[in-house]
């Protein structure tokens, strides 16, 4: 259970389908920055997300990236490559993440930055 009872538990702000996340919503969230001690980054939970592929990214290949066909989202886990690859075997995963807008070479995309996975 990802929302465990230990003191490290992360508070979930919203449970939703990843497909509902759009630029407008994330821009609104980014308007709430800067995030700090009393203003933590919004945390989203999406259950039973179908992941169609996985690849290691980064020089050390310690990071991971899921490929989802349905929503076409970029789902990255910093230093979570091994865990992601293992969970990938199930085909569907529960994701805890903060959404962000990634600008790469002038192209904007929605990226889910993973906090936890089950």
PDB file of N, CA and C in Angstrom:
ATOM      1  N   UNK A   1       0.844  -1.199   0.000  1.00  0.00           N
ATOM      2  CA  UNK A   1       0.000   0.000   0.000  1.00  0.00           C
ATOM      3  C   UNK A   1       0.874   1.241   0.000  1.00  0.00           C
ATOM      4  N   UNK A   2       0.696   2.064  -1.014  1.00  0.00           N
ATOM      5  CA  UNK A   2       1.589   3.204  -1.162  1.00  0.00           C
ATOM      6  C   UNK A   2       1.327   4.299  -0.151  1.00  0.00           C
ATOM      7  N   UNK A   3       0.099   4.438   0.295  1.00  0.00           N
ATOM      8  CA  UNK A   3      -0.194   5.489   1.257  1.00  0.00           C
ATOM      9  C   UNK A   3      -0.049   4.926   2.667  1.00  0.00           C
ATOM     10  N   UNK A   4       1.089   4.275   2.907  1.00  0.00           N
ATOM     11  CA  UNK A   4       1.343   3.592   4.169  1.00  0.00           C
ATOM     12  C   UNK A   4       1.243   4.514   5.372  1.00  0.00           C
ATOM     13  N   UNK A   5       1.307   3.910   6.559  1.00  0.00           N
ATOM     14  CA  UNK A   5       1.094   4.687   7.773  1.00  0.00           C
ATOM     15  C   UNK A   5       2.384   5.253   8.358  1.00  0.00           C
ATOM     16  N   UNK A   6       3.517   4.953   7.733  1.00  0.00           N
ATOM     17  CA  UNK A   6       4.762   5.451   8.314  1.00  0.00           C
ATOM     18  C   UNK A   6       4.875   6.960   8.158  1.00  0.00           C
ATOM     19  N   UNK A   7       5.797   7.535   8.899  1.00  0.00           N
ATOM     20  CA  UNK A   7       5.917   8.993   8.927  1.00  0.00           C
ATOM     21  C   UNK A   7       6.378   9.546   7.575  1.00  0.00           C
ATOM     22  N   UNK A   8       6.887   8.651   6.731  1.00  0.00           N
ATOM     23  CA  UNK A   8       7.370   9.087   5.424  1.00  0.00           C
ATOM     24  C   UNK A   8       6.240   9.163   4.392  1.00  0.00           C
ATOM     25  N   UNK A   9       5.034   8.831   4.807  1.00  0.00           N
ATOM     26  CA  UNK A   9       3.960   8.733   3.826  1.00  0.00           C
ATOM     27  C   UNK A   9       3.732  10.067   3.119  1.00  0.00           C
ATOM     28  N   UNK A  10       3.411   9.970   1.873  1.00  0.00           N
ATOM     29  CA  UNK A  10       3.217  11.154   1.031  1.00  0.00           C
ATOM     30  C   UNK A  10       1.726  11.426   0.935  1.00  0.00           C
ATOM     31  N   UNK A  11       1.348  12.646   1.120  1.00  0.00           N
ATOM     32  CA  UNK A  11      -0.064  12.986   1.036  1.00  0.00           C
ATOM     33  C   UNK A  11      -0.472  13.158  -0.423  1.00  0.00           C
ATOM     34  N   UNK A  12      -1.559  12.507  -0.790  1.00  0.00           N
ATOM     35  CA  UNK A  12      -2.041  12.584  -2.168  1.00  0.00           C
ATOM     36  C   UNK A  12      -3.042  13.726  -2.291  1.00  0.00           C
ATOM     37  N   UNK A  13      -2.814  14.600  -3.259  1.00  0.00           N
ATOM     38  CA  UNK A  13      -3.723  15.720  -3.472  1.00  0.00           C
ATOM     39  C   UNK A  13      -4.909  15.337  -4.343  1.00  0.00           C
ATOM     40  N   UNK A  14      -4.660  14.487  -5.320  1.00  0.00           N
ATOM     41  CA  UNK A  14      -5.720  14.156  -6.252  1.00  0.00           C
ATOM     42  C   UNK A  14      -5.489  12.794  -6.880  1.00  0.00           C
ATOM     43  N   UNK A  15      -6.560  12.002  -6.939  1.00  0.00           N
ATOM     44  CA  UNK A  15      -6.472  10.729  -7.649  1.00  0.00           C
ATOM     45  C   UNK A  15      -7.199  10.914  -8.964  1.00  0.00           C
ATOM     46  N   UNK A  16      -6.542  10.577 -10.063  1.00  0.00           N
ATOM     47  CA  UNK A  16      -7.165  10.791 -11.368  1.00  0.00           C
ATOM     48  C   UNK A  16      -6.559   9.871 -12.414  1.00  0.00           C
ATOM     49  N   UNK A  17      -7.176   9.860 -13.564  1.00  0.00           N
ATOM     50  CA  UNK A  17      -6.619   9.164 -14.723  1.00  0.00           C
ATOM     51  C   UNK A  17      -5.542  10.072 -15.300  1.00  0.00           C
ATOM     52  N   UNK A  18      -4.407   9.520 -15.722  1.00  0.00           N
ATOM     53  CA  UNK A  18      -3.367  10.384 -16.292  1.00  0.00           C
ATOM     54  C   UNK A  18      -3.874  11.171 -17.487  1.00  0.00           C
ATOM     55  N   UNK A  19      -4.845  10.624 -18.205  1.00  0.00           N
ATOM     56  CA  UNK A  19      -5.353  11.274 -19.405  1.00  0.00           C
ATOM     57  C   UNK A  19      -6.016  12.619 -19.160  1.00  0.00           C
ATOM     58  N   UNK A  20      -6.406  12.906 -17.906  1.00  0.00           N
ATOM     59  CA  UNK A  20      -7.079  14.189 -17.655  1.00  0.00           C
ATOM     60  C   UNK A  20      -6.081  15.329 -17.513  1.00  0.00           C
ATOM     61  N   UNK A  21      -4.812  14.990 -17.372  1.00  0.00           N
ATOM     62  CA  UNK A  21      -3.804  16.037 -17.193  1.00  0.00           C
ATOM     63  C   UNK A  21      -3.538  16.724 -18.522  1.00  0.00           C
ATOM     64  N   UNK A  22      -3.743  18.023 -18.561  1.00  0.00           N
ATOM     65  CA  UNK A  22      -3.438  18.743 -19.781  1.00  0.00           C
ATOM     66  C   UNK A  22      -2.592  19.972 -19.440  1.00  0.00           C
ATOM     67  N   UNK A  23      -2.136  20.666 -20.475  1.00  0.00           N
ATOM     68  CA  UNK A  23      -1.246  21.803 -20.265  1.00  0.00           C
ATOM     69  C   UNK A  23      -1.889  22.874 -19.384  1.00  0.00           C
ATOM     70  N   UNK A  24      -3.188  23.066 -19.576  1.00  0.00           N
ATOM     71  CA  UNK A  24      -3.871  24.110 -18.822  1.00  0.00           C
ATOM     72  C   UNK A  24      -3.819  23.815 -17.322  1.00  0.00           C
ATOM     73  N   UNK A  25      -4.159  22.576 -16.977  1.00  0.00           N
ATOM     74  CA  UNK A  25      -4.164  22.185 -15.574  1.00  0.00           C
ATOM     75  C   UNK A  25      -2.767  22.313 -14.963  1.00  0.00           C
ATOM     76  N   UNK A  26      -1.777  21.818 -15.682  1.00  0.00           N
ATOM     77  CA  UNK A  26      -0.423  21.843 -15.129  1.00  0.00           C
ATOM     78  C   UNK A  26       0.105  23.276 -15.048  1.00  0.00           C
ATOM     79  N   UNK A  27      -0.274  24.109 -16.006  1.00  0.00           N
ATOM     80  CA  UNK A  27       0.128  25.515 -15.945  1.00  0.00           C
ATOM     81  C   UNK A  27      -0.456  26.176 -14.707  1.00  0.00           C
ATOM     82  N   UNK A  28      -1.702  25.836 -14.389  1.00  0.00           N
ATOM     83  CA  UNK A  28      -2.331  26.367 -13.184  1.00  0.00           C
ATOM     84  C   UNK A  28      -1.548  25.936 -11.948  1.00  0.00           C
ATOM     85  N   UNK A  29      -1.145  24.674 -11.942  1.00  0.00           N
ATOM     86  CA  UNK A  29      -0.391  24.165 -10.802  1.00  0.00           C
ATOM     87  C   UNK A  29       0.953  24.879 -10.691  1.00  0.00           C
ATOM     88  N   UNK A  30       1.582  25.100 -11.851  1.00  0.00           N
ATOM     89  CA  UNK A  30       2.889  25.753 -11.832  1.00  0.00           C
ATOM     90  C   UNK A  30       2.773  27.194 -11.364  1.00  0.00           C
ATOM     91  N   UNK A  31       1.570  27.755 -11.488  1.00  0.00           N
ATOM     92  CA  UNK A  31       1.343  29.101 -10.989  1.00  0.00           C
ATOM     93  C   UNK A  31       1.395  29.172  -9.478  1.00  0.00           C
ATOM     94  N   UNK A  32       1.356  28.013  -8.837  1.00  0.00           N
ATOM     95  CA  UNK A  32       1.393  27.958  -7.375  1.00  0.00           C
ATOM     96  C   UNK A  32       2.820  27.932  -6.837  1.00  0.00           C
ATOM     97  N   UNK A  33       3.795  27.824  -7.746  1.00  0.00           N
ATOM     98  CA  UNK A  33       5.194  27.786  -7.314  1.00  0.00           C
ATOM     99  C   UNK A  33       5.584  29.138  -6.712  1.00  0.00           C
ATOM    100  N   UNK A  34       6.653  29.277  -5.973  1.00  0.00           N
ATOM    101  CA  UNK A  34       7.630  28.204  -5.696  1.00  0.00           C
ATOM    102  C   UNK A  34       7.130  27.239  -4.625  1.00  0.00           C
ATOM    103  N   UNK A  35       7.475  25.964  -4.829  1.00  0.00           N
ATOM    104  CA  UNK A  35       7.104  24.961  -3.849  1.00  0.00           C
ATOM    105  C   UNK A  35       8.199  24.876  -2.800  1.00  0.00           C
ATOM    106  N   UNK A  36       7.790  24.804  -1.561  1.00  0.00           N
ATOM    107  CA  UNK A  36       8.769  24.718  -0.487  1.00  0.00           C
ATOM    108  C   UNK A  36       8.155  24.003   0.689  1.00  0.00           C
ATOM    109  N   UNK A  37       8.649  24.300   1.862  1.00  0.00           N
ATOM    110  CA  UNK A  37       8.218  23.591   3.059  1.00  0.00           C
ATOM    111  C   UNK A  37       6.702  23.636   3.259  1.00  0.00           C
ATOM    112  N   UNK A  38       6.122  24.819   3.176  1.00  0.00           N
ATOM    113  CA  UNK A  38       4.686  24.916   3.435  1.00  0.00           C
ATOM    114  C   UNK A  38       3.839  24.870   2.173  1.00  0.00           C
ATOM    115  N   UNK A  39       4.493  24.714   1.056  1.00  0.00           N
ATOM    116  CA  UNK A  39       3.777  24.673  -0.211  1.00  0.00           C
ATOM    117  C   UNK A  39       4.376  23.535  -1.029  1.00  0.00           C
ATOM    118  N   UNK A  40       3.949  22.325  -0.704  1.00  0.00           N
ATOM    119  CA  UNK A  40       4.582  21.192  -1.360  1.00  0.00           C
ATOM    120  C   UNK A  40       4.015  20.971  -2.750  1.00  0.00           C
ATOM    121  N   UNK A  41       4.824  20.359  -3.577  1.00  0.00           N
ATOM    122  CA  UNK A  41       4.447  20.067  -4.957  1.00  0.00           C
ATOM    123  C   UNK A  41       3.196  19.192  -4.972  1.00  0.00           C
ATOM    124  N   UNK A  42       2.254  19.481  -5.870  1.00  0.00           N
ATOM    125  CA  UNK A  42       1.039  18.658  -5.905  1.00  0.00           C
ATOM    126  C   UNK A  42       1.383  17.197  -6.225  1.00  0.00           C
ATOM    127  N   UNK A  43       0.742  16.298  -5.503  1.00  0.00           N
ATOM    128  CA  UNK A  43       0.994  14.875  -5.686  1.00  0.00           C
ATOM    129  C   UNK A  43      -0.270  14.213  -6.217  1.00  0.00           C
ATOM    130  N   UNK A  44      -0.119  13.466  -7.299  1.00  0.00           N
ATOM    131  CA  UNK A  44      -1.244  12.799  -7.940  1.00  0.00           C
ATOM    132  C   UNK A  44      -1.074  11.292  -7.834  1.00  0.00           C
ATOM    133  N   UNK A  45      -2.212  10.604  -7.787  1.00  0.00           N
ATOM    134  CA  UNK A  45      -2.211   9.155  -7.770  1.00  0.00           C
ATOM    135  C   UNK A  45      -3.050   8.663  -8.934  1.00  0.00           C
ATOM    136  N   UNK A  46      -2.486   7.777  -9.730  1.00  0.00           N
ATOM    137  CA  UNK A  46      -3.245   7.142 -10.811  1.00  0.00           C
ATOM    138  C   UNK A  46      -3.082   5.638 -10.661  1.00  0.00           C
ATOM    139  N   UNK A  47      -4.210   4.954 -10.578  1.00  0.00           N
ATOM    140  CA  UNK A  47      -4.165   3.502 -10.398  1.00  0.00           C
ATOM    141  C   UNK A  47      -4.372   2.775 -11.728  1.00  0.00           C
ATOM    142  N   UNK A  48      -3.818   1.575 -11.782  1.00  0.00           N
ATOM    143  CA  UNK A  48      -3.998   0.696 -12.944  1.00  0.00           C
ATOM    144  C   UNK A  48      -3.668   1.374 -14.268  1.00  0.00           C
ATOM    145  N   UNK A  49      -2.527   2.028 -14.290  1.00  0.00           N
ATOM    146  CA  UNK A  49      -2.072   2.662 -15.529  1.00  0.00           C
ATOM    147  C   UNK A  49      -1.394   1.592 -16.386  1.00  0.00           C
ATOM    148  N   UNK A  50      -1.836   1.478 -17.637  1.00  0.00           N
ATOM    149  CA  UNK A  50      -1.231   0.494 -18.529  1.00  0.00           C
ATOM    150  C   UNK A  50       0.085   1.034 -19.053  1.00  0.00           C
ATOM    151  N   UNK A  51       1.145   0.285 -18.820  1.00  0.00           N
ATOM    152  CA  UNK A  51       2.439   0.688 -19.369  1.00  0.00           C
ATOM    153  C   UNK A  51       2.840  -0.311 -20.441  1.00  0.00           C
ATOM    154  N   UNK A  52       3.229   0.239 -21.580  1.00  0.00           N
ATOM    155  CA  UNK A  52       3.493  -0.610 -22.741  1.00  0.00           C
ATOM    156  C   UNK A  52       4.970  -0.863 -22.978  1.00  0.00           C
ATOM    157  N   UNK A  53       5.800  -0.109 -22.293  1.00  0.00           N
ATOM    158  CA  UNK A  53       7.225  -0.298 -22.501  1.00  0.00           C
ATOM    159  C   UNK A  53       8.014   0.393 -21.421  1.00  0.00           C
ATOM    160  N   UNK A  54       9.281   0.032 -21.345  1.00  0.00           N
ATOM    161  CA  UNK A  54      10.162   0.635 -20.351  1.00  0.00           C
ATOM    162  C   UNK A  54      11.538   0.786 -20.961  1.00  0.00           C
ATOM    163  N   UNK A  55      12.218   1.886 -20.609  1.00  0.00           N
ATOM    164  CA  UNK A  55      13.630   1.962 -21.004  1.00  0.00           C
ATOM    165  C   UNK A  55      14.424   2.726 -19.956  1.00  0.00           C
ATOM    166  N   UNK A  56      15.685   2.332 -19.853  1.00  0.00           N
ATOM    167  CA  UNK A  56      16.581   3.039 -18.947  1.00  0.00           C
ATOM    168  C   UNK A  56      17.032   4.330 -19.610  1.00  0.00           C
ATOM    169  N   UNK A  57      17.149   5.379 -18.829  1.00  0.00           N
ATOM    170  CA  UNK A  57      17.640   6.638 -19.379  1.00  0.00           C
ATOM    171  C   UNK A  57      18.737   7.192 -18.474  1.00  0.00           C
ATOM    172  N   UNK A  58      19.489   8.139 -18.987  1.00  0.00           N
ATOM    173  CA  UNK A  58      20.568   8.743 -18.214  1.00  0.00           C
ATOM    174  C   UNK A  58      21.886   8.030 -18.455  1.00  0.00           C
ATOM    175  N   UNK A  59      22.955   8.750 -18.174  1.00  0.00           N
ATOM    176  CA  UNK A  59      24.298   8.195 -18.404  1.00  0.00           C
ATOM    177  C   UNK A  59      24.527   6.914 -17.633  1.00  0.00           C
ATOM    178  N   UNK A  60      24.129   6.921 -16.363  1.00  0.00           N
ATOM    179  CA  UNK A  60      24.360   5.743 -15.522  1.00  0.00           C
ATOM    180  C   UNK A  60      23.250   4.710 -15.695  1.00  0.00           C
ATOM    181  N   UNK A  61      22.247   5.068 -16.474  1.00  0.00           N
ATOM    182  CA  UNK A  61      21.069   4.211 -16.648  1.00  0.00           C
ATOM    183  C   UNK A  61      20.424   3.873 -15.311  1.00  0.00           C
ATOM    184  N   UNK A  62      20.423   4.837 -14.397  1.00  0.00           N
ATOM    185  CA  UNK A  62      19.784   4.579 -13.102  1.00  0.00           C
ATOM    186  C   UNK A  62      18.345   5.082 -13.126  1.00  0.00           C
ATOM    187  N   UNK A  63      18.042   5.904 -14.126  1.00  0.00           N
ATOM    188  CA  UNK A  63      16.689   6.446 -14.240  1.00  0.00           C
ATOM    189  C   UNK A  63      15.882   5.579 -15.199  1.00  0.00           C
ATOM    190  N   UNK A  64      14.574   5.679 -15.087  1.00  0.00           N
ATOM    191  CA  UNK A  64      13.738   4.874 -15.963  1.00  0.00           C
ATOM    192  C   UNK A  64      12.639   5.702 -16.588  1.00  0.00           C
ATOM    193  N   UNK A  65      12.103   5.168 -17.662  1.00  0.00           N
ATOM    194  CA  UNK A  65      11.028   5.861 -18.362  1.00  0.00           C
ATOM    195  C   UNK A  65      10.030   4.829 -18.867  1.00  0.00           C
ATOM    196  N   UNK A  66       8.751   5.061 -18.565  1.00  0.00           N
ATOM    197  CA  UNK A  66       7.694   4.186 -19.073  1.00  0.00           C
ATOM    198  C   UNK A  66       7.146   4.773 -20.355  1.00  0.00           C
ATOM    199  N   UNK A  67       6.703   3.904 -21.220  1.00  0.00           N
ATOM    200  CA  UNK A  67       6.001   4.326 -22.421  1.00  0.00           C
ATOM    201  C   UNK A  67       4.547   3.890 -22.255  1.00  0.00           C
ATOM    202  N   UNK A  68       3.617   4.826 -22.420  1.00  0.00           N
ATOM    203  CA  UNK A  68       2.207   4.465 -22.392  1.00  0.00           C
ATOM    204  C   UNK A  68       1.630   4.807 -23.749  1.00  0.00           C
ATOM    205  N   UNK A  69       0.946   3.860 -24.344  1.00  0.00           N
ATOM    206  CA  UNK A  69       0.378   4.091 -25.659  1.00  0.00           C
ATOM    207  C   UNK A  69      -0.912   4.887 -25.547  1.00  0.00           C
ATOM    208  N   UNK A  70      -1.732   4.510 -24.565  1.00  0.00           N
ATOM    209  CA  UNK A  70      -3.064   5.108 -24.458  1.00  0.00           C
ATOM    210  C   UNK A  70      -3.011   6.619 -24.260  1.00  0.00           C
ATOM    211  N   UNK A  71      -2.209   7.073 -23.277  1.00  0.00           N
ATOM    212  CA  UNK A  71      -2.187   8.497 -22.982  1.00  0.00           C
ATOM    213  C   UNK A  71      -0.990   9.209 -23.600  1.00  0.00           C
ATOM    214  N   UNK A  72      -0.039   8.442 -24.105  1.00  0.00           N
ATOM    215  CA  UNK A  72       1.128   9.038 -24.729  1.00  0.00           C
ATOM    216  C   UNK A  72       1.918   9.934 -23.799  1.00  0.00           C
ATOM    217  N   UNK A  73       1.920   9.587 -22.532  1.00  0.00           N
ATOM    218  CA  UNK A  73       2.619  10.416 -21.549  1.00  0.00           C
ATOM    219  C   UNK A  73       4.033   9.923 -21.320  1.00  0.00           C
ATOM    220  N   UNK A  74       4.878  10.864 -20.939  1.00  0.00           N
ATOM    221  CA  UNK A  74       6.228  10.512 -20.558  1.00  0.00           C
ATOM    222  C   UNK A  74       6.219  10.344 -19.041  1.00  0.00           C
ATOM    223  N   UNK A  75       6.576   9.161 -18.576  1.00  0.00           N
ATOM    224  CA  UNK A  75       6.585   8.884 -17.150  1.00  0.00           C
ATOM    225  C   UNK A  75       8.021   8.544 -16.764  1.00  0.00           C
ATOM    226  N   UNK A  76       8.643   9.426 -15.982  1.00  0.00           N
ATOM    227  CA  UNK A  76      10.039   9.198 -15.628  1.00  0.00           C
ATOM    228  C   UNK A  76      10.208   8.999 -14.131  1.00  0.00           C
ATOM    229  N   UNK A  77      11.158   8.147 -13.789  1.00  0.00           N
ATOM    230  CA  UNK A  77      11.477   7.912 -12.385  1.00  0.00           C
ATOM    231  C   UNK A  77      12.964   8.111 -12.183  1.00  0.00           C
ATOM    232  N   UNK A  78      13.320   9.157 -11.474  1.00  0.00           N
ATOM    233  CA  UNK A  78      14.738   9.435 -11.236  1.00  0.00           C
ATOM    234  C   UNK A  78      15.263   8.440 -10.208  1.00  0.00           C
ATOM    235  N   UNK A  79      16.334   7.756 -10.573  1.00  0.00           N
ATOM    236  CA  UNK A  79      16.942   6.726  -9.717  1.00  0.00           C
ATOM    237  C   UNK A  79      15.970   5.601  -9.367  1.00  0.00           C
ATOM    238  N   UNK A  80      14.997   5.370 -10.254  1.00  0.00           N
ATOM    239  CA  UNK A  80      14.009   4.321  -9.993  1.00  0.00           C
ATOM    240  C   UNK A  80      13.976   3.281 -11.103  1.00  0.00           C
ATOM    241  N   UNK A  81      14.982   3.285 -11.947  1.00  0.00           N
ATOM    242  CA  UNK A  81      14.998   2.386 -13.099  1.00  0.00           C
ATOM    243  C   UNK A  81      14.738   0.922 -12.766  1.00  0.00           C
ATOM    244  N   UNK A  82      15.493   0.404 -11.797  1.00  0.00           N
ATOM    245  CA  UNK A  82      15.370  -1.017 -11.460  1.00  0.00           C
ATOM    246  C   UNK A  82      13.972  -1.374 -10.955  1.00  0.00           C
ATOM    247  N   UNK A  83      13.448  -0.523 -10.073  1.00  0.00           N
ATOM    248  CA  UNK A  83      12.108  -0.763  -9.519  1.00  0.00           C
ATOM    249  C   UNK A  83      11.077  -0.720 -10.634  1.00  0.00           C
ATOM    250  N   UNK A  84      11.204   0.261 -11.520  1.00  0.00           N
ATOM    251  CA  UNK A  84      10.250   0.411 -12.611  1.00  0.00           C
ATOM    252  C   UNK A  84      10.262  -0.806 -13.518  1.00  0.00           C
ATOM    253  N   UNK A  85      11.462  -1.287 -13.827  1.00  0.00           N
ATOM    254  CA  UNK A  85      11.573  -2.442 -14.718  1.00  0.00           C
ATOM    255  C   UNK A  85      10.889  -3.656 -14.097  1.00  0.00           C
ATOM    256  N   UNK A  86      11.071  -3.836 -12.791  1.00  0.00           N
ATOM    257  CA  UNK A  86      10.474  -4.966 -12.089  1.00  0.00           C
ATOM    258  C   UNK A  86       8.939  -4.852 -12.092  1.00  0.00           C
ATOM    259  N   UNK A  87       8.425  -3.660 -11.779  1.00  0.00           N
ATOM    260  CA  UNK A  87       6.974  -3.460 -11.710  1.00  0.00           C
ATOM    261  C   UNK A  87       6.330  -3.558 -13.089  1.00  0.00           C
ATOM    262  N   UNK A  88       7.123  -3.249 -14.100  1.00  0.00           N
ATOM    263  CA  UNK A  88       6.659  -3.261 -15.486  1.00  0.00           C
ATOM    264  C   UNK A  88       6.069  -4.617 -15.874  1.00  0.00           C
ATOM    265  N   UNK A  89       6.589  -5.664 -15.258  1.00  0.00           N
ATOM    266  CA  UNK A  89       6.159  -7.029 -15.602  1.00  0.00           C
ATOM    267  C   UNK A  89       4.667  -7.233 -15.391  1.00  0.00           C
ATOM    268  N   UNK A  90       4.085  -6.446 -14.483  1.00  0.00           N
ATOM    269  CA  UNK A  90       2.652  -6.595 -14.218  1.00  0.00           C
ATOM    270  C   UNK A  90       1.797  -6.036 -15.350  1.00  0.00           C
ATOM    271  N   UNK A  91       2.372  -5.106 -16.121  1.00  0.00           N
ATOM    272  CA  UNK A  91       1.608  -4.506 -17.213  1.00  0.00           C
ATOM    273  C   UNK A  91       0.772  -3.316 -16.787  1.00  0.00           C
ATOM    274  N   UNK A  92       0.244  -3.361 -15.573  1.00  0.00           N
ATOM    275  CA  UNK A  92      -0.476  -2.200 -15.034  1.00  0.00           C
ATOM    276  C   UNK A  92       0.157  -1.830 -13.705  1.00  0.00           C
ATOM    277  N   UNK A  93       0.283  -0.532 -13.465  1.00  0.00           N
ATOM    278  CA  UNK A  93       0.935  -0.064 -12.248  1.00  0.00           C
ATOM    279  C   UNK A  93       0.133   1.063 -11.613  1.00  0.00           C
ATOM    280  N   UNK A  94       0.335   1.232 -10.314  1.00  0.00           N
ATOM    281  CA  UNK A  94      -0.211   2.385  -9.609  1.00  0.00           C
ATOM    282  C   UNK A  94       0.938   3.392  -9.501  1.00  0.00           C
ATOM    283  N   UNK A  95       0.662   4.621  -9.859  1.00  0.00           N
ATOM    284  CA  UNK A  95       1.716   5.634  -9.890  1.00  0.00           C
ATOM    285  C   UNK A  95       1.412   6.786  -8.950  1.00  0.00           C
ATOM    286  N   UNK A  96       2.436   7.217  -8.236  1.00  0.00           N
ATOM    287  CA  UNK A  96       2.353   8.404  -7.402  1.00  0.00           C
ATOM    288  C   UNK A  96       3.357   9.372  -8.016  1.00  0.00           C
ATOM    289  N   UNK A  97       2.918  10.559  -8.375  1.00  0.00           N
ATOM    290  CA  UNK A  97       3.797  11.440  -9.157  1.00  0.00           C
ATOM    291  C   UNK A  97       3.405  12.907  -9.041  1.00  0.00           C
ATOM    292  N   UNK A  98       4.317  13.735  -9.523  1.00  0.00           N
ATOM    293  CA  UNK A  98       4.012  15.154  -9.706  1.00  0.00           C
ATOM    294  C   UNK A  98       4.080  15.415 -11.200  1.00  0.00           C
ATOM    295  N   UNK A  99       3.030  16.016 -11.765  1.00  0.00           N
ATOM    296  CA  UNK A  99       3.054  16.299 -13.202  1.00  0.00           C
ATOM    297  C   UNK A  99       3.831  17.576 -13.466  1.00  0.00           C
ATOM    298  N   UNK A 100       4.513  17.614 -14.601  1.00  0.00           N
ATOM    299  CA  UNK A 100       5.233  18.824 -14.979  1.00  0.00           C
ATOM    300  C   UNK A 100       5.237  18.979 -16.483  1.00  0.00           C
ATOM    301  N   UNK A 101       5.484  20.211 -16.930  1.00  0.00           N
ATOM    302  CA  UNK A 101       5.583  20.448 -18.362  1.00  0.00           C
ATOM    303  C   UNK A 101       7.055  20.429 -18.711  1.00  0.00           C
ATOM    304  N   UNK A 102       7.392  19.579 -19.651  1.00  0.00           N
ATOM    305  CA  UNK A 102       8.770  19.433 -20.078  1.00  0.00           C
ATOM    306  C   UNK A 102       8.932  20.117 -21.430  1.00  0.00           C
ATOM    307  N   UNK A 103       9.881  21.022 -21.531  1.00  0.00           N
ATOM    308  CA  UNK A 103      10.149  21.661 -22.818  1.00  0.00           C
ATOM    309  C   UNK A 103      11.478  21.130 -23.329  1.00  0.00           C
ATOM    310  N   UNK A 104      11.418  20.490 -24.477  1.00  0.00           N
ATOM    311  CA  UNK A 104      12.627  19.923 -25.057  1.00  0.00           C
ATOM    312  C   UNK A 104      12.691  20.329 -26.515  1.00  0.00           C
ATOM    313  N   UNK A 105      13.746  21.039 -26.875  1.00  0.00           N
ATOM    314  CA  UNK A 105      13.907  21.517 -28.250  1.00  0.00           C
ATOM    315  C   UNK A 105      12.648  22.230 -28.740  1.00  0.00           C
ATOM    316  N   UNK A 106      12.089  23.049 -27.860  1.00  0.00           N
ATOM    317  CA  UNK A 106      10.931  23.841 -28.254  1.00  0.00           C
ATOM    318  C   UNK A 106       9.619  23.086 -28.266  1.00  0.00           C
ATOM    319  N   UNK A 107       9.668  21.794 -27.991  1.00  0.00           N
ATOM    320  CA  UNK A 107       8.443  20.998 -27.985  1.00  0.00           C
ATOM    321  C   UNK A 107       8.017  20.775 -26.546  1.00  0.00           C
ATOM    322  N   UNK A 108       6.764  21.097 -26.243  1.00  0.00           N
ATOM    323  CA  UNK A 108       6.275  20.922 -24.874  1.00  0.00           C
ATOM    324  C   UNK A 108       5.554  19.593 -24.740  1.00  0.00           C
ATOM    325  N   UNK A 109       5.843  18.915 -23.664  1.00  0.00           N
ATOM    326  CA  UNK A 109       5.136  17.665 -23.405  1.00  0.00           C
ATOM    327  C   UNK A 109       4.854  17.582 -21.911  1.00  0.00           C
ATOM    328  N   UNK A 110       3.907  16.725 -21.573  1.00  0.00           N
ATOM    329  CA  UNK A 110       3.562  16.536 -20.177  1.00  0.00           C
ATOM    330  C   UNK A 110       4.371  15.355 -19.664  1.00  0.00           C
ATOM    331  N   UNK A 111       5.042  15.596 -18.558  1.00  0.00           N
ATOM    332  CA  UNK A 111       5.874  14.551 -17.985  1.00  0.00           C
ATOM    333  C   UNK A 111       5.408  14.280 -16.561  1.00  0.00           C
ATOM    334  N   UNK A 112       5.303  13.008 -16.228  1.00  0.00           N
ATOM    335  CA  UNK A 112       4.955  12.639 -14.866  1.00  0.00           C
ATOM    336  C   UNK A 112       6.242  12.217 -14.169  1.00  0.00           C
ATOM    337  N   UNK A 113       6.580  12.946 -13.133  1.00  0.00           N
ATOM    338  CA  UNK A 113       7.792  12.659 -12.388  1.00  0.00           C
ATOM    339  C   UNK A 113       7.428  11.771 -11.196  1.00  0.00           C
ATOM    340  N   UNK A 114       7.852  10.513 -11.268  1.00  0.00           N
ATOM    341  CA  UNK A 114       7.433   9.526 -10.272  1.00  0.00           C
ATOM    342  C   UNK A 114       7.999   9.753  -8.878  1.00  0.00           C
ATOM    343  N   UNK A 115       7.142   9.524  -7.901  1.00  0.00           N
ATOM    344  CA  UNK A 115       7.562   9.585  -6.498  1.00  0.00           C
ATOM    345  C   UNK A 115       7.549   8.171  -5.916  1.00  0.00           C
ATOM    346  N   UNK A 116       6.596   7.369  -6.396  1.00  0.00           N
ATOM    347  CA  UNK A 116       6.483   6.005  -5.916  1.00  0.00           C
ATOM    348  C   UNK A 116       5.693   5.202  -6.945  1.00  0.00           C
ATOM    349  N   UNK A 117       5.845   3.894  -6.846  1.00  0.00           N
ATOM    350  CA  UNK A 117       5.190   3.028  -7.828  1.00  0.00           C
ATOM    351  C   UNK A 117       4.843   1.709  -7.161  1.00  0.00           C
ATOM    352  N   UNK A 118       3.727   1.132  -7.591  1.00  0.00           N
ATOM    353  CA  UNK A 118       3.351  -0.159  -7.026  1.00  0.00           C
ATOM    354  C   UNK A 118       2.753  -1.027  -8.129  1.00  0.00           C
TER     355      UNK A 118
END
